[in-house]
Amino acid sequence: MRIGGGICLVLVAIAPFLDYSLQILLAAFAISISYLIPGYLLRSQYRKQKL
């Protein structure tokens, strides 16, 4: 989860220097990253426990 948080932190630091349209795109990317990375980590932990 720290990986996803770190990526989102970097994206937030970059956002003020971009145009508004790119900020919206960056926000969508950050939201998808913040959901996908923890999901994949939980899935891999579940598979390790299941075996």
N, C-alpha and C. Protein backbone atom coordinates (compact mmCIF):
# COMPACT_ATOMS: atom_id res chain seq x y z
N MET A 1 0.81 -1.19 0.00
CA MET A 1 0.00 0.00 0.00
C MET A 1 0.86 1.26 0.00
N ARG A 2 2.06 1.12 0.50
CA ARG A 2 2.96 2.29 0.50
C ARG A 2 3.37 2.65 -0.92
N ILE A 3 3.44 1.65 -1.78
CA ILE A 3 3.81 1.91 -3.18
C ILE A 3 2.75 2.78 -3.84
N GLY A 4 1.50 2.41 -3.67
CA GLY A 4 0.40 3.19 -4.24
C GLY A 4 0.34 4.59 -3.66
N GLY A 5 0.58 4.70 -2.36
CA GLY A 5 0.60 6.02 -1.73
C GLY A 5 1.74 6.88 -2.23
N GLY A 6 2.89 6.27 -2.44
CA GLY A 6 4.03 7.00 -2.96
C GLY A 6 3.79 7.51 -4.37
N ILE A 7 3.18 6.66 -5.20
CA ILE A 7 2.86 7.07 -6.57
C ILE A 7 1.86 8.23 -6.56
N CYS A 8 0.84 8.13 -5.72
CA CYS A 8 -0.15 9.21 -5.64
C CYS A 8 0.47 10.49 -5.10
N LEU A 9 1.42 10.38 -4.19
CA LEU A 9 2.09 11.57 -3.66
C LEU A 9 2.88 12.27 -4.76
N VAL A 10 3.55 11.51 -5.58
CA VAL A 10 4.30 12.09 -6.69
C VAL A 10 3.35 12.77 -7.68
N LEU A 11 2.23 12.12 -7.96
CA LEU A 11 1.26 12.69 -8.89
C LEU A 11 0.66 13.99 -8.35
N VAL A 12 0.43 14.03 -7.05
CA VAL A 12 -0.11 15.25 -6.43
C VAL A 12 0.92 16.38 -6.50
N ALA A 13 2.19 16.04 -6.36
CA ALA A 13 3.22 17.07 -6.42
C ALA A 13 3.37 17.63 -7.83
N ILE A 14 3.09 16.83 -8.84
CA ILE A 14 3.21 17.25 -10.23
C ILE A 14 1.99 18.04 -10.70
N ALA A 15 0.83 17.72 -10.18
CA ALA A 15 -0.44 18.25 -10.68
C ALA A 15 -0.53 19.78 -10.78
N PRO A 16 -0.04 20.55 -9.81
CA PRO A 16 -0.22 22.00 -9.93
C PRO A 16 0.50 22.64 -11.11
N PHE A 17 1.46 21.96 -11.67
CA PHE A 17 2.24 22.52 -12.76
C PHE A 17 1.67 22.16 -14.14
N LEU A 18 0.55 21.46 -14.18
CA LEU A 18 -0.04 21.02 -15.44
C LEU A 18 -1.32 21.79 -15.74
N ASP A 19 -1.76 21.71 -16.97
CA ASP A 19 -3.05 22.29 -17.36
C ASP A 19 -4.18 21.52 -16.70
N TYR A 20 -5.36 22.14 -16.67
CA TYR A 20 -6.50 21.53 -16.00
C TYR A 20 -6.89 20.20 -16.64
N SER A 21 -6.87 20.11 -17.95
CA SER A 21 -7.25 18.87 -18.61
C SER A 21 -6.30 17.73 -18.25
N LEU A 22 -5.02 18.04 -18.12
CA LEU A 22 -4.06 17.02 -17.70
C LEU A 22 -4.22 16.68 -16.21
N GLN A 23 -4.65 17.64 -15.43
CA GLN A 23 -4.89 17.37 -14.01
C GLN A 23 -6.01 16.36 -13.84
N ILE A 24 -7.06 16.50 -14.65
CA ILE A 24 -8.17 15.55 -14.58
C ILE A 24 -7.71 14.16 -14.97
N LEU A 25 -6.91 14.07 -16.01
CA LEU A 25 -6.37 12.79 -16.45
C LEU A 25 -5.45 12.19 -15.39
N LEU A 26 -4.65 13.02 -14.77
CA LEU A 26 -3.76 12.58 -13.71
C LEU A 26 -4.55 12.09 -12.50
N ALA A 27 -5.63 12.77 -12.17
CA ALA A 27 -6.47 12.35 -11.05
C ALA A 27 -7.11 10.99 -11.32
N ALA A 28 -7.56 10.78 -12.54
CA ALA A 28 -8.13 9.48 -12.89
C ALA A 28 -7.08 8.38 -12.79
N PHE A 29 -5.86 8.68 -13.23
CA PHE A 29 -4.77 7.71 -13.13
C PHE A 29 -4.44 7.42 -11.66
N ALA A 30 -4.41 8.44 -10.83
CA ALA A 30 -4.10 8.26 -9.41
C ALA A 30 -5.17 7.43 -8.70
N ILE A 31 -6.42 7.66 -9.05
CA ILE A 31 -7.50 6.89 -8.44
C ILE A 31 -7.41 5.42 -8.84
N SER A 32 -7.14 5.17 -10.11
CA SER A 32 -7.04 3.78 -10.55
C SER A 32 -5.82 3.10 -9.92
N ILE A 33 -4.71 3.81 -9.78
CA ILE A 33 -3.52 3.24 -9.13
C ILE A 33 -3.82 2.95 -7.66
N SER A 34 -4.50 3.85 -6.99
CA SER A 34 -4.76 3.67 -5.56
C SER A 34 -5.72 2.52 -5.30
N TYR A 35 -6.48 2.09 -6.28
CA TYR A 35 -7.34 0.92 -6.13
C TYR A 35 -6.66 -0.34 -6.62
N LEU A 36 -5.91 -0.27 -7.69
CA LEU A 36 -5.34 -1.47 -8.29
C LEU A 36 -4.18 -2.06 -7.50
N ILE A 37 -3.25 -1.26 -7.05
CA ILE A 37 -2.08 -1.79 -6.35
C ILE A 37 -2.48 -2.50 -5.06
N PRO A 38 -3.29 -1.92 -4.18
CA PRO A 38 -3.69 -2.68 -2.99
C PRO A 38 -4.50 -3.94 -3.34
N GLY A 39 -5.28 -3.87 -4.39
CA GLY A 39 -6.05 -5.04 -4.81
C GLY A 39 -5.15 -6.18 -5.24
N TYR A 40 -4.14 -5.87 -6.03
CA TYR A 40 -3.21 -6.91 -6.45
C TYR A 40 -2.41 -7.46 -5.28
N LEU A 41 -2.03 -6.61 -4.34
CA LEU A 41 -1.30 -7.08 -3.17
C LEU A 41 -2.16 -8.01 -2.32
N LEU A 42 -3.41 -7.64 -2.12
CA LEU A 42 -4.32 -8.50 -1.34
C LEU A 42 -4.57 -9.82 -2.06
N ARG A 43 -4.68 -9.77 -3.36
CA ARG A 43 -4.90 -10.98 -4.14
C ARG A 43 -3.71 -11.92 -4.03
N SER A 44 -2.51 -11.40 -4.10
CA SER A 44 -1.33 -12.26 -3.99
C SER A 44 -1.20 -12.85 -2.58
N GLN A 45 -1.54 -12.09 -1.55
CA GLN A 45 -1.53 -12.62 -0.20
C GLN A 45 -2.56 -13.73 -0.03
N TYR A 46 -3.73 -13.55 -0.61
CA TYR A 46 -4.78 -14.54 -0.53
C TYR A 46 -4.35 -15.84 -1.22
N ARG A 47 -3.73 -15.71 -2.37
CA ARG A 47 -3.28 -16.90 -3.10
C ARG A 47 -2.17 -17.63 -2.34
N LYS A 48 -1.30 -16.90 -1.66
CA LYS A 48 -0.24 -17.55 -0.86
C LYS A 48 -0.84 -18.32 0.31
N GLN A 49 -1.87 -17.76 0.94
CA GLN A 49 -2.51 -18.42 2.06
C GLN A 49 -3.32 -19.63 1.62
N LYS A 50 -3.89 -19.54 0.43
CA LYS A 50 -4.74 -20.61 -0.07
C LYS A 50 -3.92 -21.86 -0.39
N LEU A 51 -2.69 -21.68 -0.85
CA LEU A 51 -1.83 -22.81 -1.18
C LEU A 51 -1.23 -23.36 0.05
